[in-house]
Amino acid sequence: MLVVTTETVAGRQVRQTLGQCFGVVVRSRGIGGNIAAGLRSLVGGEIVEYTQMLEEARKHAVDRLVDNAALMGANAILMLRFDSSEIGQTMSEIVAYGTAVILDPA
């Protein structure tokens, strides 16, 4: 599945637009990760525990996005975007979304 952040793909043309597709993930650090991150935040700098969690969540959201588009019959996703938000003080929501399309060679 081709996934791009652009509206068009060089050498391809959109045969059919199937609609929006998305993948959602909600993640929370365990108590150990929260304690380690809390201690690290006292001295400043990158909080590696949260960076790793968000990178994994983002990859998982894209996997779900691709699965959703495949179920729609797409062979590509255009205009990939991400959104994130906090749920309470311990959870993060990551949404990957885009437009599911069928591309043909130009």
C-alpha atoms as a PDB file:
ATOM      1  CA  MET A   1       0.000   0.000   0.000  1.00  0.00           C
ATOM      2  CA  LEU A   2       1.455   3.337  -1.046  1.00  0.00           C
ATOM      3  CA  VAL A   3       1.007   5.965   1.692  1.00  0.00           C
ATOM      4  CA  VAL A   4       1.978   9.570   0.943  1.00  0.00           C
ATOM      5  CA  THR A   5       1.498  13.000   2.477  1.00  0.00           C
ATOM      6  CA  THR A   6       0.892  14.631  -0.917  1.00  0.00           C
ATOM      7  CA  GLU A   7      -2.259  15.142  -2.997  1.00  0.00           C
ATOM      8  CA  THR A   8      -0.765  13.495  -6.066  1.00  0.00           C
ATOM      9  CA  VAL A   9       1.773  10.803  -6.912  1.00  0.00           C
ATOM     10  CA  ALA A  10       4.189  11.320  -9.787  1.00  0.00           C
ATOM     11  CA  GLY A  11       3.440   8.985 -12.680  1.00  0.00           C
ATOM     12  CA  ARG A  12       0.070   7.931 -11.242  1.00  0.00           C
ATOM     13  CA  GLN A  13      -3.468   9.159 -11.590  1.00  0.00           C
ATOM     14  CA  VAL A  14      -6.421   8.710  -9.278  1.00  0.00           C
ATOM     15  CA  ARG A  15      -8.971   6.388 -10.872  1.00  0.00           C
ATOM     16  CA  GLN A  16     -11.344   6.434  -7.904  1.00  0.00           C
ATOM     17  CA  THR A  17     -11.558   8.201  -4.565  1.00  0.00           C
ATOM     18  CA  LEU A  18     -12.973   5.826  -1.966  1.00  0.00           C
ATOM     19  CA  GLY A  19     -13.194   8.229   0.959  1.00  0.00           C
ATOM     20  CA  GLN A  20     -11.549   8.920   4.269  1.00  0.00           C
ATOM     21  CA  CYS A  21      -9.753   6.213   6.175  1.00  0.00           C
ATOM     22  CA  PHE A  22      -8.182   6.289   9.603  1.00  0.00           C
ATOM     23  CA  GLY A  23      -6.372   4.339  12.288  1.00  0.00           C
ATOM     24  CA  VAL A  24      -6.704   5.128  15.994  1.00  0.00           C
ATOM     25  CA  VAL A  25      -4.510   4.036  18.903  1.00  0.00           C
ATOM     26  CA  VAL A  26      -4.739   4.960  22.582  1.00  0.00           C
ATOM     27  CA  ARG A  27      -1.677   4.174  24.663  1.00  0.00           C
ATOM     28  CA  SER A  28      -0.656   4.568  28.284  1.00  0.00           C
ATOM     29  CA  ARG A  29       2.722   4.118  29.940  1.00  0.00           C
ATOM     30  CA  GLY A  30       2.859   1.602  32.749  1.00  0.00           C
ATOM     31  CA  ILE A  31       3.524   2.752  36.287  1.00  0.00           C
ATOM     32  CA  GLY A  32       7.261   2.045  35.926  1.00  0.00           C
ATOM     33  CA  GLY A  33       7.504   4.109  32.753  1.00  0.00           C
ATOM     34  CA  ASN A  34       5.590   6.971  34.352  1.00  0.00           C
ATOM     35  CA  ILE A  35       7.898   6.982  37.374  1.00  0.00           C
ATOM     36  CA  ALA A  36      11.040   6.900  35.205  1.00  0.00           C
ATOM     37  CA  ALA A  37       9.649   9.651  32.970  1.00  0.00           C
ATOM     38  CA  GLY A  38       8.697  11.738  36.000  1.00  0.00           C
ATOM     39  CA  LEU A  39      12.194  11.487  37.434  1.00  0.00           C
ATOM     40  CA  ARG A  40      13.759  12.306  34.061  1.00  0.00           C
ATOM     41  CA  SER A  41      11.517  15.385  33.716  1.00  0.00           C
ATOM     42  CA  LEU A  42      13.067  16.836  36.882  1.00  0.00           C
ATOM     43  CA  VAL A  43      16.443  17.254  35.183  1.00  0.00           C
ATOM     44  CA  GLY A  44      15.101  18.233  31.752  1.00  0.00           C
ATOM     45  CA  GLY A  45      15.816  16.885  28.285  1.00  0.00           C
ATOM     46  CA  GLU A  46      14.114  14.277  26.171  1.00  0.00           C
ATOM     47  CA  ILE A  47      11.842  11.842  27.958  1.00  0.00           C
ATOM     48  CA  VAL A  48      12.823   8.701  26.082  1.00  0.00           C
ATOM     49  CA  GLU A  49      10.055   6.557  27.598  1.00  0.00           C
ATOM     50  CA  TYR A  50       7.357   8.794  26.110  1.00  0.00           C
ATOM     51  CA  THR A  51       9.160   9.246  22.800  1.00  0.00           C
ATOM     52  CA  GLN A  52       9.323   5.472  22.338  1.00  0.00           C
ATOM     53  CA  MET A  53       5.671   5.065  23.321  1.00  0.00           C
ATOM     54  CA  LEU A  54       4.533   7.701  20.827  1.00  0.00           C
ATOM     55  CA  GLU A  55       6.705   6.300  18.012  1.00  0.00           C
ATOM     56  CA  GLU A  56       5.200   2.840  18.546  1.00  0.00           C
ATOM     57  CA  ALA A  57       1.685   4.275  18.740  1.00  0.00           C
ATOM     58  CA  ARG A  58       2.216   6.217  15.509  1.00  0.00           C
ATOM     59  CA  LYS A  59       3.413   3.085  13.678  1.00  0.00           C
ATOM     60  CA  HIS A  60       0.454   1.136  15.047  1.00  0.00           C
ATOM     61  CA  ALA A  61      -1.969   3.881  13.925  1.00  0.00           C
ATOM     62  CA  VAL A  62      -0.506   3.771  10.384  1.00  0.00           C
ATOM     63  CA  ASP A  63      -0.857  -0.034  10.326  1.00  0.00           C
ATOM     64  CA  ARG A  64      -4.524   0.336  11.260  1.00  0.00           C
ATOM     65  CA  LEU A  65      -4.940   3.074   8.641  1.00  0.00           C
ATOM     66  CA  VAL A  66      -3.536   0.778   5.949  1.00  0.00           C
ATOM     67  CA  ASP A  67      -5.799  -2.085   7.087  1.00  0.00           C
ATOM     68  CA  ASN A  68      -8.827   0.234   6.925  1.00  0.00           C
ATOM     69  CA  ALA A  69      -7.939   1.438   3.416  1.00  0.00           C
ATOM     70  CA  ALA A  70      -7.340  -2.144   2.216  1.00  0.00           C
ATOM     71  CA  LEU A  71     -10.799  -3.137   3.436  1.00  0.00           C
ATOM     72  CA  MET A  72     -12.185  -0.292   1.323  1.00  0.00           C
ATOM     73  CA  GLY A  73     -10.378  -1.690  -1.745  1.00  0.00           C
ATOM     74  CA  ALA A  74      -7.718   1.030  -1.960  1.00  0.00           C
ATOM     75  CA  ASN A  75      -4.205   0.579  -3.270  1.00  0.00           C
ATOM     76  CA  ALA A  76      -2.975   3.934  -1.914  1.00  0.00           C
ATOM     77  CA  ILE A  77      -3.594   6.568   0.733  1.00  0.00           C
ATOM     78  CA  LEU A  78      -3.129  10.234  -0.100  1.00  0.00           C
ATOM     79  CA  MET A  79      -2.727  13.194   2.259  1.00  0.00           C
ATOM     80  CA  LEU A  80      -1.577  11.198   5.318  1.00  0.00           C
ATOM     81  CA  ARG A  81      -1.920  13.279   8.461  1.00  0.00           C
ATOM     82  CA  PHE A  82      -1.568  12.656  12.184  1.00  0.00           C
ATOM     83  CA  ASP A  83      -3.452  14.082  15.122  1.00  0.00           C
ATOM     84  CA  SER A  84      -2.838  13.483  18.802  1.00  0.00           C
ATOM     85  CA  SER A  85      -4.460  14.340  22.075  1.00  0.00           C
ATOM     86  CA  GLU A  86      -4.246  13.553  25.753  1.00  0.00           C
ATOM     87  CA  ILE A  87      -6.902  11.531  27.526  1.00  0.00           C
ATOM     88  CA  GLY A  88      -6.651  12.232  31.211  1.00  0.00           C
ATOM     89  CA  GLN A  89      -3.081  12.604  32.429  1.00  0.00           C
ATOM     90  CA  THR A  90      -1.779   9.170  31.520  1.00  0.00           C
ATOM     91  CA  MET A  91      -3.058   8.293  28.045  1.00  0.00           C
ATOM     92  CA  SER A  92      -2.279   9.541  24.550  1.00  0.00           C
ATOM     93  CA  GLU A  93      -4.461   9.125  21.485  1.00  0.00           C
ATOM     94  CA  ILE A  94      -2.833   9.032  18.046  1.00  0.00           C
ATOM     95  CA  VAL A  95      -4.970   9.195  14.899  1.00  0.00           C
ATOM     96  CA  ALA A  96      -3.555   8.612  11.416  1.00  0.00           C
ATOM     97  CA  TYR A  97      -5.925   9.639   8.624  1.00  0.00           C
ATOM     98  CA  GLY A  98      -5.964  10.196   4.901  1.00  0.00           C
ATOM     99  CA  THR A  99      -7.880   9.593   1.675  1.00  0.00           C
ATOM    100  CA  ALA A 100      -8.202   6.046   0.371  1.00  0.00           C
ATOM    101  CA  VAL A 101      -7.848   5.915  -3.433  1.00  0.00           C
ATOM    102  CA  ILE A 102      -7.251   3.589  -6.321  1.00  0.00           C
ATOM    103  CA  LEU A 103      -4.245   4.739  -8.360  1.00  0.00           C
ATOM    104  CA  ASP A 104      -3.478   3.750 -11.938  1.00  0.00           C
ATOM    105  CA  PRO A 105      -0.287   4.367 -13.914  1.00  0.00           C
ATOM    106  CA  ALA A 106      -0.531   7.691 -15.780  1.00  0.00           C
END
